[in-house]
C-alpha atoms as a PDB file:
ATOM      1  CA  MET A   1      33.286  32.845-124.826  1.00  0.00           C
ATOM      2  CA  ILE A   2      35.724  30.313-123.416  1.00  0.00           C
ATOM      3  CA  SER A   3      35.540  26.858-124.893  1.00  0.00           C
ATOM      4  CA  ARG A   4      35.071  23.778-122.785  1.00  0.00           C
ATOM      5  CA  GLN A   5      38.561  22.566-123.672  1.00  0.00           C
ATOM      6  CA  GLU A   6      40.055  25.885-122.494  1.00  0.00           C
ATOM      7  CA  ARG A   7      38.166  25.702-119.164  1.00  0.00           C
ATOM      8  CA  ILE A   8      39.374  22.132-118.620  1.00  0.00           C
ATOM      9  CA  SER A   9      42.924  23.162-119.460  1.00  0.00           C
ATOM     10  CA  ARG A  10      42.815  26.094-117.016  1.00  0.00           C
ATOM     11  CA  ALA A  11      41.297  23.955-114.252  1.00  0.00           C
ATOM     12  CA  SER A  12      43.959  21.324-114.843  1.00  0.00           C
ATOM     13  CA  ALA A  13      46.734  23.914-114.653  1.00  0.00           C
ATOM     14  CA  ARG A  14      45.264  25.346-111.424  1.00  0.00           C
ATOM     15  CA  ALA A  15      44.971  21.884-109.866  1.00  0.00           C
ATOM     16  CA  HIS A  16      48.530  21.049-110.920  1.00  0.00           C
ATOM     17  CA  GLY A  17      49.788  24.259-109.305  1.00  0.00           C
ATOM     18  CA  LEU A  18      47.973  23.530-106.040  1.00  0.00           C
ATOM     19  CA  VAL A  19      49.223  19.941-105.896  1.00  0.00           C
ATOM     20  CA  ASP A  20      52.750  21.119-106.706  1.00  0.00           C
ATOM     21  CA  LYS A  21      52.657  23.629-103.825  1.00  0.00           C
ATOM     22  CA  LEU A  22      51.249  21.006-101.449  1.00  0.00           C
ATOM     23  CA  GLY A  23      53.911  18.499-102.481  1.00  0.00           C
ATOM     24  CA  GLY A  24      56.665  21.062-101.988  1.00  0.00           C
ATOM     25  CA  SER A  25      55.332  21.918 -98.526  1.00  0.00           C
ATOM     26  CA  LEU A  26      55.196  18.243 -97.561  1.00  0.00           C
ATOM     27  CA  VAL A  27      58.776  17.690 -98.749  1.00  0.00           C
ATOM     28  CA  ILE A  28      60.037  20.690 -96.772  1.00  0.00           C
ATOM     29  CA  GLY A  29      58.065  19.558 -93.703  1.00  0.00           C
ATOM     30  CA  PHE A  30      59.534  16.058 -93.880  1.00  0.00           C
ATOM     31  CA  HIS A  31      63.004  17.507 -94.427  1.00  0.00           C
ATOM     32  CA  LEU A  32      62.695  19.660 -91.300  1.00  0.00           C
ATOM     33  CA  LEU A  33      61.302  16.748 -89.286  1.00  0.00           C
ATOM     34  CA  ALA A  34      64.186  14.508 -90.361  1.00  0.00           C
ATOM     35  CA  LEU A  35      66.766  17.198 -89.534  1.00  0.00           C
ATOM     36  CA  PHE A  36      65.157  17.713 -86.130  1.00  0.00           C
ATOM     37  CA  ALA A  37      65.311  13.963 -85.463  1.00  0.00           C
ATOM     38  CA  ILE A  38      68.992  13.840 -86.470  1.00  0.00           C
ATOM     39  CA  GLY A  39      69.816  16.877 -84.347  1.00  0.00           C
ATOM     40  CA  ALA A  40      67.904  15.593 -81.324  1.00  0.00           C
ATOM     41  CA  THR A  41      69.621  12.207 -81.588  1.00  0.00           C
ATOM     42  CA  VAL A  42      73.067  13.834 -81.773  1.00  0.00           C
ATOM     43  CA  VAL A  43      72.350  16.048 -78.750  1.00  0.00           C
ATOM     44  CA  TRP A  44      70.891  13.122 -76.788  1.00  0.00           C
ATOM     45  CA  ALA A  45      73.927  10.927 -77.528  1.00  0.00           C
ATOM     46  CA  ALA A  46      76.363  13.742 -76.714  1.00  0.00           C
ATOM     47  CA  VAL A  47      74.689  14.483 -73.370  1.00  0.00           C
ATOM     48  CA  PHE A  48      74.797  10.835 -72.296  1.00  0.00           C
ATOM     49  CA  ALA A  49      78.401  10.476 -73.476  1.00  0.00           C
ATOM     50  CA  PHE A  50      79.354  13.583 -71.495  1.00  0.00           C
ATOM     51  CA  PHE A  51      77.699  12.293 -68.323  1.00  0.00           C
ATOM     52  CA  ASP A  52      79.413   8.923 -68.795  1.00  0.00           C
ATOM     53  CA  MET A  53      82.803  10.657 -69.133  1.00  0.00           C
ATOM     54  CA  ALA A  54      82.078  12.848 -66.096  1.00  0.00           C
ATOM     55  CA  GLN A  55      81.110   9.816 -64.032  1.00  0.00           C
ATOM     56  CA  ARG A  56      84.334   7.990 -64.956  1.00  0.00           C
ATOM     57  CA  GLY A  57      86.429  11.110 -64.395  1.00  0.00           C
ATOM     58  CA  HIS A  58      88.339  10.804 -67.669  1.00  0.00           C
ATOM     59  CA  ALA A  59      87.842  10.526 -71.408  1.00  0.00           C
ATOM     60  CA  THR A  60      89.161   7.779 -73.649  1.00  0.00           C
ATOM     61  CA  VAL A  61      90.132   8.003 -77.310  1.00  0.00           C
ATOM     62  CA  GLU A  62      86.773   6.437 -78.200  1.00  0.00           C
ATOM     63  CA  ASP A  63      84.985   9.186 -76.264  1.00  0.00           C
ATOM     64  CA  ILE A  64      86.905  11.913 -78.072  1.00  0.00           C
ATOM     65  CA  LEU A  65      86.142  10.291 -81.441  1.00  0.00           C
ATOM     66  CA  LEU A  66      82.463  10.032 -80.506  1.00  0.00           C
ATOM     67  CA  VAL A  67      82.314  13.718 -79.637  1.00  0.00           C
ATOM     68  CA  SER A  68      84.120  14.603 -82.889  1.00  0.00           C
ATOM     69  CA  LEU A  69      81.673  12.502 -84.861  1.00  0.00           C
ATOM     70  CA  ALA A  70      78.723  14.140 -83.107  1.00  0.00           C
ATOM     71  CA  VAL A  71      80.073  17.587 -84.007  1.00  0.00           C
ATOM     72  CA  LEU A  72      80.540  16.551 -87.646  1.00  0.00           C
ATOM     73  CA  VAL A  73      77.017  15.127 -87.901  1.00  0.00           C
ATOM     74  CA  ALA A  74      75.558  18.266 -86.313  1.00  0.00           C
ATOM     75  CA  ARG A  75      77.552  20.407 -88.712  1.00  0.00           C
ATOM     76  CA  TYR A  76      76.363  18.377 -91.695  1.00  0.00           C
ATOM     77  CA  ALA A  77      72.756  18.672 -90.546  1.00  0.00           C
ATOM     78  CA  SER A  78      73.119  22.445 -90.200  1.00  0.00           C
ATOM     79  CA  TYR A  79      74.477  22.684 -93.767  1.00  0.00           C
ATOM     80  CA  ARG A  80      71.517  20.695 -95.064  1.00  0.00           C
ATOM     81  CA  TYR A  81      68.996  23.000 -93.393  1.00  0.00           C
ATOM     82  CA  PRO A  82      66.953  24.658 -96.155  1.00  0.00           C
ATOM     83  CA  SER A  83      67.280  28.411 -96.190  1.00  0.00           C
ATOM     84  CA  VAL A  84      65.922  31.185 -98.356  1.00  0.00           C
ATOM     85  CA  ARG A  85      69.028  33.220 -97.630  1.00  0.00           C
ATOM     86  CA  SER A  86      71.404  30.630 -99.053  1.00  0.00           C
ATOM     87  CA  PRO A  87      74.780  32.146 -99.962  1.00  0.00           C
ATOM     88  CA  VAL A  88      74.946  30.111-103.182  1.00  0.00           C
ATOM     89  CA  ARG A  89      71.864  29.203-105.163  1.00  0.00           C
ATOM     90  CA  GLU A  90      71.728  26.558-107.859  1.00  0.00           C
ATOM     91  CA  GLY A  91      72.314  27.841-111.358  1.00  0.00           C
ATOM     92  CA  GLN A  92      72.923  31.424-110.271  1.00  0.00           C
ATOM     93  CA  PRO A  93      76.303  33.100-109.947  1.00  0.00           C
ATOM     94  CA  PRO A  94      76.999  34.704-106.572  1.00  0.00           C
ATOM     95  CA  GLU A  95      76.000  38.339-106.306  1.00  0.00           C
ATOM     96  CA  ARG A  96      78.867  40.805-106.484  1.00  0.00           C
ATOM     97  CA  ASP A  97      79.380  43.340-103.767  1.00  0.00           C
ATOM     98  CA  ASP A  98      81.091  46.334-105.353  1.00  0.00           C
ATOM     99  CA  THR A  99      80.753  48.531-102.262  1.00  0.00           C
ATOM    100  CA  ALA A 100      84.055  47.355-100.756  1.00  0.00           C
END
C-alpha cells in the first residue's frame, strides 16, 4: 500500500514534469516568434531599401552598409534558430566520423 506522503510526492513530481514541459514549449514558441519578427523586419527593410536604390538609379555607401548589416542580422538570426540537428551540442564532444 502506498502511503499518503508517497502519493503526494508522485503527484508533485508529475505536476512538476508537466509544468516543465509547458514552460519549455512556451520558451521555444516565444523564441521562434521573436526570430520570425527579426527576420520579417530585416526582409521588409531590405525590400524597401532595394526599391529606394532602384528608384534613385544608384547606391550610396550608406545603402551598401545597410544591406551588409541586414545580411549580418539575418545570418545571426539563422544561427540562433533552435535545431535538434545541431552540429555541436552543449557538453558533448562532436561525433567522430571514421568512415572517411
